[in-house]
Amino acid sequence: MLKNIVKSTKFIFFVCGAAAAVVTGKIIKCKKVRDAVVNCLAYGMKVKHDAQLAMQNMKEDAEDVYFDAMSAAENEDADVTENDTEKESE
């Protein structure tokens, strides 16, 4: 009966999970590991912030280009309308 329990995959997964929890608990208590994890997390947060700023700047630039293009198109339409009016009056 004990052989059947040891051969069971659920039992093997349980033992491996318990061992992983114990090993992880020991590793996390180490000050160097904690410092490394904190530094990695801080770096990740900085990268995220920089990416958000870059995306915001690109969005603002794109909006500026769009509004400039719309203004230019409106000015062209106004010029065409004025030219048509002048031709009709002649």
PDB file of N, CA and C in Angstrom:
ATOM      1  N   MET A   1       0.819  -1.185   0.000  1.00  0.00           N
ATOM      2  CA  MET A   1       0.000   0.000   0.000  1.00  0.00           C
ATOM      3  C   MET A   1       0.875   1.265   0.000  1.00  0.00           C
ATOM      4  N   LEU A   2       1.938   1.251   0.748  1.00  0.00           N
ATOM      5  CA  LEU A   2       2.836   2.406   0.799  1.00  0.00           C
ATOM      6  C   LEU A   2       3.489   2.638  -0.557  1.00  0.00           C
ATOM      7  N   LYS A   3       3.770   1.556  -1.295  1.00  0.00           N
ATOM      8  CA  LYS A   3       4.351   1.696  -2.633  1.00  0.00           C
ATOM      9  C   LYS A   3       3.385   2.411  -3.569  1.00  0.00           C
ATOM     10  N   ASN A   4       2.106   2.123  -3.464  1.00  0.00           N
ATOM     11  CA  ASN A   4       1.109   2.765  -4.317  1.00  0.00           C
ATOM     12  C   ASN A   4       1.011   4.268  -4.030  1.00  0.00           C
ATOM     13  N   ILE A   5       1.130   4.621  -2.753  1.00  0.00           N
ATOM     14  CA  ILE A   5       1.060   6.042  -2.392  1.00  0.00           C
ATOM     15  C   ILE A   5       2.284   6.779  -2.930  1.00  0.00           C
ATOM     16  N   VAL A   6       3.462   6.193  -2.783  1.00  0.00           N
ATOM     17  CA  VAL A   6       4.695   6.831  -3.233  1.00  0.00           C
ATOM     18  C   VAL A   6       4.709   6.942  -4.748  1.00  0.00           C
ATOM     19  N   LYS A   7       4.117   6.006  -5.469  1.00  0.00           N
ATOM     20  CA  LYS A   7       4.075   6.045  -6.929  1.00  0.00           C
ATOM     21  C   LYS A   7       3.021   7.023  -7.445  1.00  0.00           C
ATOM     22  N   SER A   8       2.103   7.437  -6.600  1.00  0.00           N
ATOM     23  CA  SER A   8       1.038   8.343  -7.025  1.00  0.00           C
ATOM     24  C   SER A   8       1.629   9.699  -7.417  1.00  0.00           C
ATOM     25  N   THR A   9       1.208  10.219  -8.552  1.00  0.00           N
ATOM     26  CA  THR A   9       1.734  11.509  -9.023  1.00  0.00           C
ATOM     27  C   THR A   9       1.285  12.648  -8.114  1.00  0.00           C
ATOM     28  N   LYS A  10       0.103  12.563  -7.553  1.00  0.00           N
ATOM     29  CA  LYS A  10      -0.369  13.604  -6.646  1.00  0.00           C
ATOM     30  C   LYS A  10       0.526  13.694  -5.418  1.00  0.00           C
ATOM     31  N   PHE A  11       0.929  12.541  -4.886  1.00  0.00           N
ATOM     32  CA  PHE A  11       1.807  12.525  -3.720  1.00  0.00           C
ATOM     33  C   PHE A  11       3.176  13.115  -4.074  1.00  0.00           C
ATOM     34  N   ILE A  12       3.681  12.777  -5.228  1.00  0.00           N
ATOM     35  CA  ILE A  12       4.985  13.297  -5.667  1.00  0.00           C
ATOM     36  C   ILE A  12       4.911  14.813  -5.843  1.00  0.00           C
ATOM     37  N   PHE A  13       3.836  15.296  -6.452  1.00  0.00           N
ATOM     38  CA  PHE A  13       3.669  16.740  -6.604  1.00  0.00           C
ATOM     39  C   PHE A  13       3.559  17.437  -5.251  1.00  0.00           C
ATOM     40  N   PHE A  14       2.865  16.816  -4.302  1.00  0.00           N
ATOM     41  CA  PHE A  14       2.731  17.394  -2.970  1.00  0.00           C
ATOM     42  C   PHE A  14       4.086  17.504  -2.286  1.00  0.00           C
ATOM     43  N   VAL A  15       4.869  16.444  -2.349  1.00  0.00           N
ATOM     44  CA  VAL A  15       6.194  16.445  -1.716  1.00  0.00           C
ATOM     45  C   VAL A  15       7.100  17.489  -2.372  1.00  0.00           C
ATOM     46  N   CYS A  16       7.073  17.545  -3.694  1.00  0.00           N
ATOM     47  CA  CYS A  16       7.891  18.544  -4.406  1.00  0.00           C
ATOM     48  C   CYS A  16       7.453  19.965  -4.057  1.00  0.00           C
ATOM     49  N   GLY A  17       6.172  20.200  -3.943  1.00  0.00           N
ATOM     50  CA  GLY A  17       5.668  21.521  -3.569  1.00  0.00           C
ATOM     51  C   GLY A  17       6.081  21.914  -2.162  1.00  0.00           C
ATOM     52  N   ALA A  18       6.003  20.960  -1.245  1.00  0.00           N
ATOM     53  CA  ALA A  18       6.421  21.235   0.129  1.00  0.00           C
ATOM     54  C   ALA A  18       7.919  21.525   0.183  1.00  0.00           C
ATOM     55  N   ALA A  19       8.710  20.775  -0.558  1.00  0.00           N
ATOM     56  CA  ALA A  19      10.149  21.003  -0.588  1.00  0.00           C
ATOM     57  C   ALA A  19      10.469  22.364  -1.197  1.00  0.00           C
ATOM     58  N   ALA A  20       9.770  22.717  -2.250  1.00  0.00           N
ATOM     59  CA  ALA A  20       9.986  24.020  -2.887  1.00  0.00           C
ATOM     60  C   ALA A  20       9.629  25.153  -1.931  1.00  0.00           C
ATOM     61  N   ALA A  21       8.568  24.992  -1.161  1.00  0.00           N
ATOM     62  CA  ALA A  21       8.177  26.021  -0.195  1.00  0.00           C
ATOM     63  C   ALA A  21       9.239  26.200   0.881  1.00  0.00           C
ATOM     64  N   VAL A  22       9.777  25.104   1.361  1.00  0.00           N
ATOM     65  CA  VAL A  22      10.818  25.185   2.394  1.00  0.00           C
ATOM     66  C   VAL A  22      12.077  25.852   1.838  1.00  0.00           C
ATOM     67  N   VAL A  23      12.513  25.437   0.661  1.00  0.00           N
ATOM     68  CA  VAL A  23      13.727  26.000   0.056  1.00  0.00           C
ATOM     69  C   VAL A  23      13.527  27.483  -0.250  1.00  0.00           C
ATOM     70  N   THR A  24      12.368  27.839  -0.786  1.00  0.00           N
ATOM     71  CA  THR A  24      12.084  29.241  -1.102  1.00  0.00           C
ATOM     72  C   THR A  24      12.070  30.091   0.161  1.00  0.00           C
ATOM     73  N   GLY A  25      11.506  29.559   1.228  1.00  0.00           N
ATOM     74  CA  GLY A  25      11.491  30.275   2.509  1.00  0.00           C
ATOM     75  C   GLY A  25      12.889  30.557   3.007  1.00  0.00           C
ATOM     76  N   LYS A  26      13.788  29.596   2.861  1.00  0.00           N
ATOM     77  CA  LYS A  26      15.175  29.787   3.293  1.00  0.00           C
ATOM     78  C   LYS A  26      15.889  30.812   2.418  1.00  0.00           C
ATOM     79  N   ILE A  27      15.643  30.742   1.117  1.00  0.00           N
ATOM     80  CA  ILE A  27      16.321  31.653   0.184  1.00  0.00           C
ATOM     81  C   ILE A  27      15.853  33.089   0.393  1.00  0.00           C
ATOM     82  N   ILE A  28      14.563  33.283   0.615  1.00  0.00           N
ATOM     83  CA  ILE A  28      14.021  34.625   0.740  1.00  0.00           C
ATOM     84  C   ILE A  28      14.538  35.333   1.989  1.00  0.00           C
ATOM     85  N   LYS A  29      14.852  34.591   3.012  1.00  0.00           N
ATOM     86  CA  LYS A  29      15.347  35.198   4.244  1.00  0.00           C
ATOM     87  C   LYS A  29      16.743  35.781   4.093  1.00  0.00           C
ATOM     88  N   CYS A  30      17.445  35.420   3.044  1.00  0.00           N
ATOM     89  CA  CYS A  30      18.798  35.921   2.808  1.00  0.00           C
ATOM     90  C   CYS A  30      18.720  37.401   2.411  1.00  0.00           C
ATOM     91  N   LYS A  31      19.524  38.248   3.058  1.00  0.00           N
ATOM     92  CA  LYS A  31      19.485  39.688   2.811  1.00  0.00           C
ATOM     93  C   LYS A  31      19.906  40.034   1.385  1.00  0.00           C
ATOM     94  N   LYS A  32      20.901  39.360   0.845  1.00  0.00           N
ATOM     95  CA  LYS A  32      21.370  39.654  -0.508  1.00  0.00           C
ATOM     96  C   LYS A  32      20.285  39.360  -1.541  1.00  0.00           C
ATOM     97  N   VAL A  33      19.570  38.283  -1.355  1.00  0.00           N
ATOM     98  CA  VAL A  33      18.497  37.932  -2.288  1.00  0.00           C
ATOM     99  C   VAL A  33      17.383  38.978  -2.209  1.00  0.00           C
ATOM    100  N   ARG A  34      17.044  39.381  -0.981  1.00  0.00           N
ATOM    101  CA  ARG A  34      16.007  40.401  -0.811  1.00  0.00           C
ATOM    102  C   ARG A  34      16.419  41.702  -1.486  1.00  0.00           C
ATOM    103  N   ASP A  35      17.658  42.120  -1.275  1.00  0.00           N
ATOM    104  CA  ASP A  35      18.137  43.352  -1.910  1.00  0.00           C
ATOM    105  C   ASP A  35      18.099  43.250  -3.436  1.00  0.00           C
ATOM    106  N   ALA A  36      18.487  42.101  -3.967  1.00  0.00           N
ATOM    107  CA  ALA A  36      18.468  41.912  -5.420  1.00  0.00           C
ATOM    108  C   ALA A  36      17.038  41.983  -5.955  1.00  0.00           C
ATOM    109  N   VAL A  37      16.107  41.371  -5.260  1.00  0.00           N
ATOM    110  CA  VAL A  37      14.711  41.393  -5.692  1.00  0.00           C
ATOM    111  C   VAL A  37      14.151  42.813  -5.627  1.00  0.00           C
ATOM    112  N   VAL A  38      14.471  43.541  -4.565  1.00  0.00           N
ATOM    113  CA  VAL A  38      13.996  44.920  -4.434  1.00  0.00           C
ATOM    114  C   VAL A  38      14.575  45.786  -5.548  1.00  0.00           C
ATOM    115  N   ASN A  39      15.851  45.615  -5.862  1.00  0.00           N
ATOM    116  CA  ASN A  39      16.472  46.389  -6.941  1.00  0.00           C
ATOM    117  C   ASN A  39      15.841  46.066  -8.293  1.00  0.00           C
ATOM    118  N   CYS A  40      15.571  44.799  -8.539  1.00  0.00           N
ATOM    119  CA  CYS A  40      14.924  44.402  -9.801  1.00  0.00           C
ATOM    120  C   CYS A  40      13.526  45.000  -9.903  1.00  0.00           C
ATOM    121  N   LEU A  41      12.800  44.978  -8.815  1.00  0.00           N
ATOM    122  CA  LEU A  41      11.455  45.539  -8.805  1.00  0.00           C
ATOM    123  C   LEU A  41      11.494  47.049  -9.045  1.00  0.00           C
ATOM    124  N   ALA A  42      12.430  47.731  -8.404  1.00  0.00           N
ATOM    125  CA  ALA A  42      12.570  49.181  -8.594  1.00  0.00           C
ATOM    126  C   ALA A  42      12.937  49.497 -10.040  1.00  0.00           C
ATOM    127  N   TYR A  43      13.830  48.721 -10.619  1.00  0.00           N
ATOM    128  CA  TYR A  43      14.214  48.930 -12.010  1.00  0.00           C
ATOM    129  C   TYR A  43      13.017  48.712 -12.940  1.00  0.00           C
ATOM    130  N   GLY A  44      12.243  47.685 -12.666  1.00  0.00           N
ATOM    131  CA  GLY A  44      11.046  47.419 -13.469  1.00  0.00           C
ATOM    132  C   GLY A  44      10.044  48.557 -13.383  1.00  0.00           C
ATOM    133  N   MET A  45       9.871  49.117 -12.202  1.00  0.00           N
ATOM    134  CA  MET A  45       8.960  50.243 -12.035  1.00  0.00           C
ATOM    135  C   MET A  45       9.473  51.470 -12.786  1.00  0.00           C
ATOM    136  N   LYS A  46      10.791  51.689 -12.784  1.00  0.00           N
ATOM    137  CA  LYS A  46      11.383  52.814 -13.508  1.00  0.00           C
ATOM    138  C   LYS A  46      11.177  52.647 -15.013  1.00  0.00           C
ATOM    139  N   VAL A  47      11.392  51.436 -15.512  1.00  0.00           N
ATOM    140  CA  VAL A  47      11.204  51.167 -16.940  1.00  0.00           C
ATOM    141  C   VAL A  47       9.747  51.409 -17.329  1.00  0.00           C
ATOM    142  N   LYS A  48       8.818  50.967 -16.492  1.00  0.00           N
ATOM    143  CA  LYS A  48       7.398  51.172 -16.771  1.00  0.00           C
ATOM    144  C   LYS A  48       7.072  52.663 -16.822  1.00  0.00           C
ATOM    145  N   HIS A  49       7.597  53.416 -15.865  1.00  0.00           N
ATOM    146  CA  HIS A  49       7.343  54.858 -15.822  1.00  0.00           C
ATOM    147  C   HIS A  49       7.915  55.550 -17.061  1.00  0.00           C
ATOM    148  N   ASP A  50       9.145  55.186 -17.437  1.00  0.00           N
ATOM    149  CA  ASP A  50       9.771  55.775 -18.627  1.00  0.00           C
ATOM    150  C   ASP A  50       8.978  55.440 -19.892  1.00  0.00           C
ATOM    151  N   ALA A  51       8.478  54.220 -19.975  1.00  0.00           N
ATOM    152  CA  ALA A  51       7.683  53.813 -21.137  1.00  0.00           C
ATOM    153  C   ALA A  51       6.378  54.602 -21.198  1.00  0.00           C
ATOM    154  N   GLN A  52       5.757  54.833 -20.051  1.00  0.00           N
ATOM    155  CA  GLN A  52       4.526  55.618 -20.030  1.00  0.00           C
ATOM    156  C   GLN A  52       4.784  57.058 -20.464  1.00  0.00           C
ATOM    157  N   LEU A  53       5.899  57.640 -20.012  1.00  0.00           N
ATOM    158  CA  LEU A  53       6.238  58.997 -20.428  1.00  0.00           C
ATOM    159  C   LEU A  53       6.490  59.071 -21.933  1.00  0.00           C
ATOM    160  N   ALA A  54       7.215  58.098 -22.452  1.00  0.00           N
ATOM    161  CA  ALA A  54       7.497  58.078 -23.890  1.00  0.00           C
ATOM    162  C   ALA A  54       6.204  57.949 -24.687  1.00  0.00           C
ATOM    163  N   MET A  55       5.310  57.106 -24.236  1.00  0.00           N
ATOM    164  CA  MET A  55       4.040  56.921 -24.926  1.00  0.00           C
ATOM    165  C   MET A  55       3.205  58.200 -24.877  1.00  0.00           C
ATOM    166  N   GLN A  56       3.194  58.874 -23.736  1.00  0.00           N
ATOM    167  CA  GLN A  56       2.449  60.129 -23.612  1.00  0.00           C
ATOM    168  C   GLN A  56       3.022  61.181 -24.561  1.00  0.00           C
ATOM    169  N   ASN A  57       4.357  61.279 -24.642  1.00  0.00           N
ATOM    170  CA  ASN A  57       4.990  62.240 -25.547  1.00  0.00           C
ATOM    171  C   ASN A  57       4.659  61.936 -27.006  1.00  0.00           C
ATOM    172  N   MET A  58       4.687  60.659 -27.380  1.00  0.00           N
ATOM    173  CA  MET A  58       4.338  60.289 -28.752  1.00  0.00           C
ATOM    174  C   MET A  58       2.887  60.631 -29.055  1.00  0.00           C
ATOM    175  N   LYS A  59       2.002  60.417 -28.083  1.00  0.00           N
ATOM    176  CA  LYS A  59       0.587  60.721 -28.278  1.00  0.00           C
ATOM    177  C   LYS A  59       0.400  62.223 -28.481  1.00  0.00           C
ATOM    178  N   GLU A  60       1.080  63.038 -27.672  1.00  0.00           N
ATOM    179  CA  GLU A  60       0.964  64.487 -27.814  1.00  0.00           C
ATOM    180  C   GLU A  60       1.507  64.954 -29.165  1.00  0.00           C
ATOM    181  N   ASP A  61       2.632  64.383 -29.587  1.00  0.00           N
ATOM    182  CA  ASP A  61       3.193  64.738 -30.888  1.00  0.00           C
ATOM    183  C   ASP A  61       2.244  64.362 -32.022  1.00  0.00           C
ATOM    184  N   ALA A  62       1.641  63.207 -31.929  1.00  0.00           N
ATOM    185  CA  ALA A  62       0.705  62.760 -32.959  1.00  0.00           C
ATOM    186  C   ALA A  62      -0.522  63.673 -33.003  1.00  0.00           C
ATOM    187  N   GLU A  63      -1.005  64.089 -31.842  1.00  0.00           N
ATOM    188  CA  GLU A  63      -2.142  65.006 -31.814  1.00  0.00           C
ATOM    189  C   GLU A  63      -1.775  66.339 -32.458  1.00  0.00           C
ATOM    190  N   ASP A  64      -0.559  66.830 -32.170  1.00  0.00           N
ATOM    191  CA  ASP A  64      -0.108  68.087 -32.782  1.00  0.00           C
ATOM    192  C   ASP A  64      -0.066  67.971 -34.304  1.00  0.00           C
ATOM    193  N   VAL A  65       0.493  66.878 -34.804  1.00  0.00           N
ATOM    194  CA  VAL A  65       0.575  66.668 -36.248  1.00  0.00           C
ATOM    195  C   VAL A  65      -0.832  66.594 -36.846  1.00  0.00           C
ATOM    196  N   TYR A  66      -1.719  65.902 -36.177  1.00  0.00           N
ATOM    197  CA  TYR A  66      -3.102  65.770 -36.653  1.00  0.00           C
ATOM    198  C   TYR A  66      -3.783  67.131 -36.741  1.00  0.00           C
ATOM    199  N   PHE A  67      -3.667  67.934 -35.673  1.00  0.00           N
ATOM    200  CA  PHE A  67      -4.323  69.244 -35.684  1.00  0.00           C
ATOM    201  C   PHE A  67      -3.691  70.178 -36.714  1.00  0.00           C
ATOM    202  N   ASP A  68      -2.384  70.085 -36.914  1.00  0.00           N
ATOM    203  CA  ASP A  68      -1.740  70.882 -37.959  1.00  0.00           C
ATOM    204  C   ASP A  68      -2.256  70.482 -39.336  1.00  0.00           C
ATOM    205  N   ALA A  69      -2.393  69.188 -39.552  1.00  0.00           N
ATOM    206  CA  ALA A  69      -2.898  68.704 -40.835  1.00  0.00           C
ATOM    207  C   ALA A  69      -4.340  69.149 -41.042  1.00  0.00           C
ATOM    208  N   MET A  70      -5.147  69.105 -40.000  1.00  0.00           N
ATOM    209  CA  MET A  70      -6.545  69.532 -40.115  1.00  0.00           C
ATOM    210  C   MET A  70      -6.614  71.037 -40.399  1.00  0.00           C
ATOM    211  N   SER A  71      -5.756  71.807 -39.746  1.00  0.00           N
ATOM    212  CA  SER A  71      -5.747  73.261 -39.986  1.00  0.00           C
ATOM    213  C   SER A  71      -5.325  73.553 -41.415  1.00  0.00           C
ATOM    214  N   ALA A  72      -4.325  72.845 -41.903  1.00  0.00           N
ATOM    215  CA  ALA A  72      -3.866  73.037 -43.276  1.00  0.00           C
ATOM    216  C   ALA A  72      -4.970  72.660 -44.259  1.00  0.00           C
ATOM    217  N   ALA A  73      -5.680  71.591 -43.986  1.00  0.00           N
ATOM    218  CA  ALA A  73      -6.775  71.168 -44.872  1.00  0.00           C
ATOM    219  C   ALA A  73      -7.898  72.197 -44.863  1.00  0.00           C
ATOM    220  N   GLU A  74      -8.200  72.746 -43.712  1.00  0.00           N
ATOM    221  CA  GLU A  74      -9.250  73.760 -43.628  1.00  0.00           C
ATOM    222  C   GLU A  74      -8.826  75.025 -44.379  1.00  0.00           C
ATOM    223  N   ASN A  75      -7.552  75.392 -44.256  1.00  0.00           N
ATOM    224  CA  ASN A  75      -7.059  76.571 -44.967  1.00  0.00           C
ATOM    225  C   ASN A  75      -7.110  76.362 -46.478  1.00  0.00           C
ATOM    226  N   GLU A  76      -6.763  75.159 -46.935  1.00  0.00           N
ATOM    227  CA  GLU A  76      -6.835  74.854 -48.365  1.00  0.00           C
ATOM    228  C   GLU A  76      -8.274  74.932 -48.854  1.00  0.00           C
ATOM    229  N   ASP A  77      -9.198  74.405 -48.055  1.00  0.00           N
ATOM    230  CA  ASP A  77     -10.614  74.461 -48.430  1.00  0.00           C
ATOM    231  C   ASP A  77     -11.086  75.911 -48.505  1.00  0.00           C
ATOM    232  N   ALA A  78     -10.655  76.722 -47.558  1.00  0.00           N
ATOM    233  CA  ALA A  78     -11.051  78.129 -47.556  1.00  0.00           C
ATOM    234  C   ALA A  78     -10.465  78.840 -48.770  1.00  0.00           C
ATOM    235  N   ASP A  79      -9.201  78.533 -49.137  1.00  0.00           N
ATOM    236  CA  ASP A  79      -8.579  79.145 -50.309  1.00  0.00           C
ATOM    237  C   ASP A  79      -9.300  78.729 -51.582  1.00  0.00           C
ATOM    238  N   VAL A  80      -9.659  77.484 -51.694  1.00  0.00           N
ATOM    239  CA  VAL A  80     -10.364  76.989 -52.876  1.00  0.00           C
ATOM    240  C   VAL A  80     -11.722  77.668 -52.986  1.00  0.00           C
ATOM    241  N   THR A  81     -12.419  77.806 -51.883  1.00  0.00           N
ATOM    242  CA  THR A  81     -13.726  78.456 -51.884  1.00  0.00           C
ATOM    243  C   THR A  81     -13.596  79.920 -52.288  1.00  0.00           C
ATOM    244  N   GLU A  82     -12.582  80.611 -51.787  1.00  0.00           N
ATOM    245  CA  GLU A  82     -12.363  82.015 -52.154  1.00  0.00           C
ATOM    246  C   GLU A  82     -12.032  82.140 -53.636  1.00  0.00           C
ATOM    247  N   ASN A  83     -11.200  81.257 -54.152  1.00  0.00           N
ATOM    248  CA  ASN A  83     -10.849  81.283 -55.572  1.00  0.00           C
ATOM    249  C   ASN A  83     -12.069  81.028 -56.442  1.00  0.00           C
ATOM    250  N   ASP A  84     -12.920  80.100 -56.044  1.00  0.00           N
ATOM    251  CA  ASP A  84     -14.135  79.816 -56.799  1.00  0.00           C
ATOM    252  C   ASP A  84     -15.064  81.024 -56.795  1.00  0.00           C
ATOM    253  N   THR A  85     -15.168  81.709 -55.671  1.00  0.00           N
ATOM    254  CA  THR A  85     -16.017  82.883 -55.559  1.00  0.00           C
ATOM    255  C   THR A  85     -15.484  83.994 -56.456  1.00  0.00           C
ATOM    256  N   GLU A  86     -14.173  84.177 -56.484  1.00  0.00           N
ATOM    257  CA  GLU A  86     -13.562  85.215 -57.306  1.00  0.00           C
ATOM    258  C   GLU A  86     -13.786  84.907 -58.800  1.00  0.00           C
ATOM    259  N   LYS A  87     -13.672  83.659 -59.200  1.00  0.00           N
ATOM    260  CA  LYS A  87     -13.862  83.277 -60.605  1.00  0.00           C
ATOM    261  C   LYS A  87     -15.299  83.507 -61.037  1.00  0.00           C
ATOM    262  N   GLU A  88     -16.240  83.220 -60.147  1.00  0.00           N
ATOM    263  CA  GLU A  88     -17.657  83.391 -60.482  1.00  0.00           C
ATOM    264  C   GLU A  88     -18.012  84.854 -60.623  1.00  0.00           C
ATOM    265  N   SER A  89     -17.384  85.722 -59.844  1.00  0.00           N
ATOM    266  CA  SER A  89     -17.718  87.142 -59.904  1.00  0.00           C
ATOM    267  C   SER A  89     -17.116  87.796 -61.131  1.00  0.00           C
ATOM    268  N   GLU A  90     -16.089  87.210 -61.739  1.00  0.00           N
ATOM    269  CA  GLU A  90     -15.448  87.813 -62.909  1.00  0.00           C
ATOM    270  C   GLU A  90     -16.224  87.597 -64.117  1.00  0.00           C
TER     271      GLU A  90
END
